[in-house]
């Protein structure tokens, strides 16, 4: 239902296109995400590493998200 609580573990792949603000064009990153939901609030974190594209920048990226699912 809309107010379910739980934990999600996700694997993700992201490819940039257009004019991204913080990465190069046509760069692919892979990684994992962990999300925790409690009623309508969700909080998560992700770790992504570039695997193709601009080869000089192989730094790992960390992301935090907070959402409200109404």
PDB file of N, CA and C in Angstrom:
ATOM      1  N   UNK A   1       0.804  -1.180   0.000  1.00  0.00           N
ATOM      2  CA  UNK A   1       0.000   0.000   0.000  1.00  0.00           C
ATOM      3  C   UNK A   1       0.858   1.259   0.000  1.00  0.00           C
ATOM      4  N   UNK A   2       0.245   2.409  -0.013  1.00  0.00           N
ATOM      5  CA  UNK A   2       1.001   3.660  -0.085  1.00  0.00           C
ATOM      6  C   UNK A   2       1.778   3.972   1.184  1.00  0.00           C
ATOM      7  N   UNK A   3       1.448   3.321   2.303  1.00  0.00           N
ATOM      8  CA  UNK A   3       2.153   3.596   3.552  1.00  0.00           C
ATOM      9  C   UNK A   3       2.919   2.379   4.043  1.00  0.00           C
ATOM     10  N   UNK A   4       3.449   1.584   3.136  1.00  0.00           N
ATOM     11  CA  UNK A   4       4.215   0.401   3.501  1.00  0.00           C
ATOM     12  C   UNK A   4       5.604   0.799   3.998  1.00  0.00           C
ATOM     13  N   UNK A   5       6.152   0.005   4.900  1.00  0.00           N
ATOM     14  CA  UNK A   5       7.499   0.226   5.416  1.00  0.00           C
ATOM     15  C   UNK A   5       8.378  -0.929   4.990  1.00  0.00           C
ATOM     16  N   UNK A   6       9.669  -0.670   4.800  1.00  0.00           N
ATOM     17  CA  UNK A   6      10.558  -1.745   4.413  1.00  0.00           C
ATOM     18  C   UNK A   6      11.927  -1.256   4.004  1.00  0.00           C
ATOM     19  N   UNK A   7      12.741  -2.213   3.539  1.00  0.00           N
ATOM     20  CA  UNK A   7      14.107  -1.953   3.093  1.00  0.00           C
ATOM     21  C   UNK A   7      14.264  -2.499   1.682  1.00  0.00           C
ATOM     22  N   UNK A   8      14.924  -1.741   0.816  1.00  0.00           N
ATOM     23  CA  UNK A   8      15.209  -2.175  -0.550  1.00  0.00           C
ATOM     24  C   UNK A   8      16.711  -2.144  -0.786  1.00  0.00           C
ATOM     25  N   UNK A   9      17.226  -3.173  -1.443  1.00  0.00           N
ATOM     26  CA  UNK A   9      18.611  -3.187  -1.901  1.00  0.00           C
ATOM     27  C   UNK A   9      18.556  -3.298  -3.417  1.00  0.00           C
ATOM     28  N   UNK A  10      19.177  -2.340  -4.115  1.00  0.00           N
ATOM     29  CA  UNK A  10      19.060  -2.255  -5.567  1.00  0.00           C
ATOM     30  C   UNK A  10      20.430  -2.195  -6.232  1.00  0.00           C
ATOM     31  N   UNK A  11      20.548  -2.795  -7.380  1.00  0.00           N
ATOM     32  CA  UNK A  11      21.704  -2.616  -8.249  1.00  0.00           C
ATOM     33  C   UNK A  11      21.286  -1.713  -9.388  1.00  0.00           C
ATOM     34  N   UNK A  12      22.138  -0.770  -9.764  1.00  0.00           N
ATOM     35  CA  UNK A  12      21.757   0.207 -10.778  1.00  0.00           C
ATOM     36  C   UNK A  12      22.887   0.488 -11.751  1.00  0.00           C
ATOM     37  N   UNK A  13      22.519   0.846 -12.962  1.00  0.00           N
ATOM     38  CA  UNK A  13      23.451   1.345 -13.970  1.00  0.00           C
ATOM     39  C   UNK A  13      22.872   2.652 -14.510  1.00  0.00           C
ATOM     40  N   UNK A  14      23.718   3.670 -14.630  1.00  0.00           N
ATOM     41  CA  UNK A  14      23.290   4.993 -15.076  1.00  0.00           C
ATOM     42  C   UNK A  14      24.181   5.417 -16.238  1.00  0.00           C
ATOM     43  N   UNK A  15      23.575   5.938 -17.291  1.00  0.00           N
ATOM     44  CA  UNK A  15      24.327   6.487 -18.416  1.00  0.00           C
ATOM     45  C   UNK A  15      23.932   7.944 -18.590  1.00  0.00           C
ATOM     46  N   UNK A  16      24.923   8.837 -18.674  1.00  0.00           N
ATOM     47  CA  UNK A  16      24.635  10.256 -18.848  1.00  0.00           C
ATOM     48  C   UNK A  16      24.419  10.579 -20.320  1.00  0.00           C
ATOM     49  N   UNK A  17      23.644  11.618 -20.571  1.00  0.00           N
ATOM     50  CA  UNK A  17      23.386  12.089 -21.928  1.00  0.00           C
ATOM     51  C   UNK A  17      23.051  13.566 -21.845  1.00  0.00           C
ATOM     52  N   UNK A  18      22.942  14.207 -22.977  1.00  0.00           N
ATOM     53  CA  UNK A  18      22.650  15.648 -22.990  1.00  0.00           C
ATOM     54  C   UNK A  18      23.822  16.437 -22.431  1.00  0.00           C
ATOM     55  N   UNK A  19      23.552  17.372 -21.530  1.00  0.00           N
ATOM     56  CA  UNK A  19      24.569  18.204 -20.892  1.00  0.00           C
ATOM     57  C   UNK A  19      24.517  18.031 -19.373  1.00  0.00           C
ATOM     58  N   UNK A  20      25.058  16.933 -18.845  1.00  0.00           N
ATOM     59  CA  UNK A  20      25.009  16.731 -17.397  1.00  0.00           C
ATOM     60  C   UNK A  20      25.820  17.788 -16.660  1.00  0.00           C
ATOM     61  N   UNK A  21      25.383  18.158 -15.465  1.00  0.00           N
ATOM     62  CA  UNK A  21      26.030  19.253 -14.737  1.00  0.00           C
ATOM     63  C   UNK A  21      27.269  18.820 -13.957  1.00  0.00           C
ATOM     64  N   UNK A  22      27.366  17.552 -13.549  1.00  0.00           N
ATOM     65  CA  UNK A  22      28.473  17.147 -12.693  1.00  0.00           C
ATOM     66  C   UNK A  22      29.288  15.976 -13.229  1.00  0.00           C
ATOM     67  N   UNK A  23      28.951  15.464 -14.386  1.00  0.00           N
ATOM     68  CA  UNK A  23      29.681  14.359 -15.012  1.00  0.00           C
ATOM     69  C   UNK A  23      29.881  14.670 -16.486  1.00  0.00           C
ATOM     70  N   UNK A  24      30.672  13.859 -17.136  1.00  0.00           N
ATOM     71  CA  UNK A  24      30.870  14.002 -18.578  1.00  0.00           C
ATOM     72  C   UNK A  24      29.723  13.338 -19.334  1.00  0.00           C
ATOM     73  N   UNK A  25      29.558  13.728 -20.607  1.00  0.00           N
ATOM     74  CA  UNK A  25      28.561  13.095 -21.467  1.00  0.00           C
ATOM     75  C   UNK A  25      28.971  11.655 -21.753  1.00  0.00           C
ATOM     76  N   UNK A  26      27.972  10.812 -21.991  1.00  0.00           N
ATOM     77  CA  UNK A  26      28.160   9.413 -22.365  1.00  0.00           C
ATOM     78  C   UNK A  26      29.078   8.663 -21.391  1.00  0.00           C
ATOM     79  N   UNK A  27      28.849   8.859 -20.110  1.00  0.00           N
ATOM     80  CA  UNK A  27      29.595   8.155 -19.071  1.00  0.00           C
ATOM     81  C   UNK A  27      28.640   7.174 -18.390  1.00  0.00           C
ATOM     82  N   UNK A  28      29.089   5.946 -18.184  1.00  0.00           N
ATOM     83  CA  UNK A  28      28.270   4.930 -17.540  1.00  0.00           C
ATOM     84  C   UNK A  28      28.811   4.642 -16.154  1.00  0.00           C
ATOM     85  N   UNK A  29      27.920   4.626 -15.170  1.00  0.00           N
ATOM     86  CA  UNK A  29      28.276   4.323 -13.790  1.00  0.00           C
ATOM     87  C   UNK A  29      27.448   3.127 -13.325  1.00  0.00           C
ATOM     88  N   UNK A  30      28.046   2.252 -12.527  1.00  0.00           N
ATOM     89  CA  UNK A  30      27.319   1.134 -11.935  1.00  0.00           C
ATOM     90  C   UNK A  30      27.517   1.166 -10.428  1.00  0.00           C
ATOM     91  N   UNK A  31      26.550   0.633  -9.710  1.00  0.00           N
ATOM     92  CA  UNK A  31      26.670   0.619  -8.258  1.00  0.00           C
ATOM     93  C   UNK A  31      25.443   0.050  -7.603  1.00  0.00           C
ATOM     94  N   UNK A  32      25.310   0.347  -6.337  1.00  0.00           N
ATOM     95  CA  UNK A  32      24.202  -0.173  -5.554  1.00  0.00           C
ATOM     96  C   UNK A  32      23.564   0.900  -4.714  1.00  0.00           C
ATOM     97  N   UNK A  33      22.322   0.626  -4.330  1.00  0.00           N
ATOM     98  CA  UNK A  33      21.554   1.562  -3.525  1.00  0.00           C
ATOM     99  C   UNK A  33      20.901   0.819  -2.363  1.00  0.00           C
ATOM    100  N   UNK A  34      20.742   1.500  -1.264  1.00  0.00           N
ATOM    101  CA  UNK A  34      20.004   0.995  -0.113  1.00  0.00           C
ATOM    102  C   UNK A  34      18.961   2.038   0.240  1.00  0.00           C
ATOM    103  N   UNK A  35      17.691   1.623   0.296  1.00  0.00           N
ATOM    104  CA  UNK A  35      16.590   2.539   0.618  1.00  0.00           C
ATOM    105  C   UNK A  35      15.795   1.977   1.791  1.00  0.00           C
ATOM    106  N   UNK A  36      15.421   2.860   2.684  1.00  0.00           N
ATOM    107  CA  UNK A  36      14.598   2.499   3.834  1.00  0.00           C
ATOM    108  C   UNK A  36      13.343   3.350   3.784  1.00  0.00           C
ATOM    109  N   UNK A  37      12.190   2.692   3.841  1.00  0.00           N
ATOM    110  CA  UNK A  37      10.902   3.392   3.809  1.00  0.00           C
ATOM    111  C   UNK A  37      10.189   3.203   5.137  1.00  0.00           C
ATOM    112  N   UNK A  38       9.598   4.284   5.614  1.00  0.00           N
ATOM    113  CA  UNK A  38       8.783   4.232   6.814  1.00  0.00           C
ATOM    114  C   UNK A  38       7.576   5.104   6.572  1.00  0.00           C
ATOM    115  N   UNK A  39       6.440   4.482   6.444  1.00  0.00           N
ATOM    116  CA  UNK A  39       5.197   5.141   6.056  1.00  0.00           C
ATOM    117  C   UNK A  39       5.422   5.904   4.747  1.00  0.00           C
ATOM    118  N   UNK A  40       5.293   7.203   4.708  1.00  0.00           N
ATOM    119  CA  UNK A  40       5.418   7.944   3.452  1.00  0.00           C
ATOM    120  C   UNK A  40       6.811   8.545   3.247  1.00  0.00           C
ATOM    121  N   UNK A  41       7.742   8.309   4.164  1.00  0.00           N
ATOM    122  CA  UNK A  41       9.089   8.887   4.073  1.00  0.00           C
ATOM    123  C   UNK A  41      10.076   7.800   3.662  1.00  0.00           C
ATOM    124  N   UNK A  42      10.955   8.123   2.722  1.00  0.00           N
ATOM    125  CA  UNK A  42      12.012   7.181   2.367  1.00  0.00           C
ATOM    126  C   UNK A  42      13.356   7.896   2.355  1.00  0.00           C
ATOM    127  N   UNK A  43      14.373   7.162   2.788  1.00  0.00           N
ATOM    128  CA  UNK A  43      15.740   7.675   2.858  1.00  0.00           C
ATOM    129  C   UNK A  43      16.635   6.610   2.230  1.00  0.00           C
ATOM    130  N   UNK A  44      17.612   7.057   1.461  1.00  0.00           N
ATOM    131  CA  UNK A  44      18.487   6.089   0.819  1.00  0.00           C
ATOM    132  C   UNK A  44      19.865   6.652   0.542  1.00  0.00           C
ATOM    133  N   UNK A  45      20.757   5.745   0.257  1.00  0.00           N
ATOM    134  CA  UNK A  45      22.111   6.111  -0.117  1.00  0.00           C
ATOM    135  C   UNK A  45      22.563   5.226  -1.256  1.00  0.00           C
ATOM    136  N   UNK A  46      23.471   5.739  -2.058  1.00  0.00           N
ATOM    137  CA  UNK A  46      23.959   4.986  -3.212  1.00  0.00           C
ATOM    138  C   UNK A  46      25.450   5.232  -3.404  1.00  0.00           C
ATOM    139  N   UNK A  47      26.093   4.245  -4.006  1.00  0.00           N
ATOM    140  CA  UNK A  47      27.512   4.334  -4.344  1.00  0.00           C
ATOM    141  C   UNK A  47      27.640   3.913  -5.808  1.00  0.00           C
ATOM    142  N   UNK A  48      28.241   4.778  -6.630  1.00  0.00           N
ATOM    143  CA  UNK A  48      28.404   4.496  -8.053  1.00  0.00           C
ATOM    144  C   UNK A  48      29.851   4.703  -8.474  1.00  0.00           C
ATOM    145  N   UNK A  49      30.313   3.854  -9.399  1.00  0.00           N
ATOM    146  CA  UNK A  49      31.670   3.952  -9.937  1.00  0.00           C
ATOM    147  C   UNK A  49      31.602   3.989 -11.453  1.00  0.00           C
ATOM    148  N   UNK A  50      32.318   4.930 -12.087  1.00  0.00           N
ATOM    149  CA  UNK A  50      32.339   4.974 -13.559  1.00  0.00           C
ATOM    150  C   UNK A  50      33.004   3.725 -14.129  1.00  0.00           C
ATOM    151  N   UNK A  51      32.400   3.150 -15.164  1.00  0.00           N
ATOM    152  CA  UNK A  51      32.971   1.980 -15.823  1.00  0.00           C
ATOM    153  C   UNK A  51      33.278   2.230 -17.295  1.00  0.00           C
ATOM    154  N   UNK A  52      32.732   3.293 -17.869  1.00  0.00           N
ATOM    155  CA  UNK A  52      33.058   3.647 -19.250  1.00  0.00           C
ATOM    156  C   UNK A  52      32.847   5.139 -19.425  1.00  0.00           C
ATOM    157  N   UNK A  53      33.428   5.666 -20.478  1.00  0.00           N
ATOM    158  CA  UNK A  53      33.319   7.097 -20.733  1.00  0.00           C
ATOM    159  C   UNK A  53      34.647   7.770 -20.469  1.00  0.00           C
ATOM    160  N   UNK A  54      34.618   8.891 -19.784  1.00  0.00           N
ATOM    161  CA  UNK A  54      35.810   9.689 -19.502  1.00  0.00           C
ATOM    162  C   UNK A  54      36.735   8.913 -18.562  1.00  0.00           C
ATOM    163  N   UNK A  55      37.832   8.370 -19.082  1.00  0.00           N
ATOM    164  CA  UNK A  55      38.662   7.429 -18.328  1.00  0.00           C
ATOM    165  C   UNK A  55      39.552   8.067 -17.270  1.00  0.00           C
ATOM    166  N   UNK A  56      39.783   9.361 -17.317  1.00  0.00           N
ATOM    167  CA  UNK A  56      40.654  10.001 -16.331  1.00  0.00           C
ATOM    168  C   UNK A  56      39.978  10.207 -14.981  1.00  0.00           C
ATOM    169  N   UNK A  57      38.687  10.123 -14.937  1.00  0.00           N
ATOM    170  CA  UNK A  57      37.951  10.377 -13.700  1.00  0.00           C
ATOM    171  C   UNK A  57      37.239   9.106 -13.248  1.00  0.00           C
ATOM    172  N   UNK A  58      37.888   8.307 -12.432  1.00  0.00           N
ATOM    173  CA  UNK A  58      37.307   7.052 -11.933  1.00  0.00           C
ATOM    174  C   UNK A  58      36.913   7.152 -10.460  1.00  0.00           C
ATOM    175  N   UNK A  59      36.669   8.378  -9.978  1.00  0.00           N
ATOM    176  CA  UNK A  59      36.282   8.555  -8.575  1.00  0.00           C
ATOM    177  C   UNK A  59      34.930   7.907  -8.296  1.00  0.00           C
ATOM    178  N   UNK A  60      34.804   7.355  -7.120  1.00  0.00           N
ATOM    179  CA  UNK A  60      33.531   6.795  -6.681  1.00  0.00           C
ATOM    180  C   UNK A  60      32.627   7.942  -6.242  1.00  0.00           C
ATOM    181  N   UNK A  61      31.354   7.878  -6.641  1.00  0.00           N
ATOM    182  CA  UNK A  61      30.374   8.903  -6.280  1.00  0.00           C
ATOM    183  C   UNK A  61      29.433   8.355  -5.223  1.00  0.00           C
ATOM    184  N   UNK A  62      29.128   9.187  -4.231  1.00  0.00           N
ATOM    185  CA  UNK A  62      28.205   8.836  -3.158  1.00  0.00           C
ATOM    186  C   UNK A  62      27.000   9.757  -3.235  1.00  0.00           C
ATOM    187  N   UNK A  63      25.809   9.182  -3.120  1.00  0.00           N
ATOM    188  CA  UNK A  63      24.583   9.966  -3.212  1.00  0.00           C
ATOM    189  C   UNK A  63      23.675   9.657  -2.032  1.00  0.00           C
ATOM    190  N   UNK A  64      22.965  10.647  -1.569  1.00  0.00           N
ATOM    191  CA  UNK A  64      21.988  10.509  -0.503  1.00  0.00           C
ATOM    192  C   UNK A  64      20.662  11.044  -1.024  1.00  0.00           C
ATOM    193  N   UNK A  65      19.585  10.332  -0.773  1.00  0.00           N
ATOM    194  CA  UNK A  65      18.280  10.849  -1.192  1.00  0.00           C
ATOM    195  C   UNK A  65      17.285  10.737  -0.048  1.00  0.00           C
ATOM    196  N   UNK A  66      16.383  11.682  -0.025  1.00  0.00           N
ATOM    197  CA  UNK A  66      15.291  11.711   0.940  1.00  0.00           C
ATOM    198  C   UNK A  66      14.034  12.031   0.152  1.00  0.00           C
ATOM    199  N   UNK A  67      12.989  11.281   0.375  1.00  0.00           N
ATOM    200  CA  UNK A  67      11.761  11.508  -0.390  1.00  0.00           C
ATOM    201  C   UNK A  67      10.519  11.371   0.457  1.00  0.00           C
ATOM    202  N   UNK A  68       9.443  11.912  -0.063  1.00  0.00           N
ATOM    203  CA  UNK A  68       8.148  11.836   0.562  1.00  0.00           C
ATOM    204  C   UNK A  68       7.181  11.277  -0.471  1.00  0.00           C
ATOM    205  N   UNK A  69       6.694  10.095  -0.244  1.00  0.00           N
ATOM    206  CA  UNK A  69       5.784   9.446  -1.202  1.00  0.00           C
ATOM    207  C   UNK A  69       4.339   9.629  -0.804  1.00  0.00           C
ATOM    208  N   UNK A  70       3.711  10.570  -1.421  1.00  0.00           N
ATOM    209  CA  UNK A  70       2.305  10.847  -1.091  1.00  0.00           C
ATOM    210  C   UNK A  70       1.424  10.279  -2.180  1.00  0.00           C
TER     211      UNK A  70
END
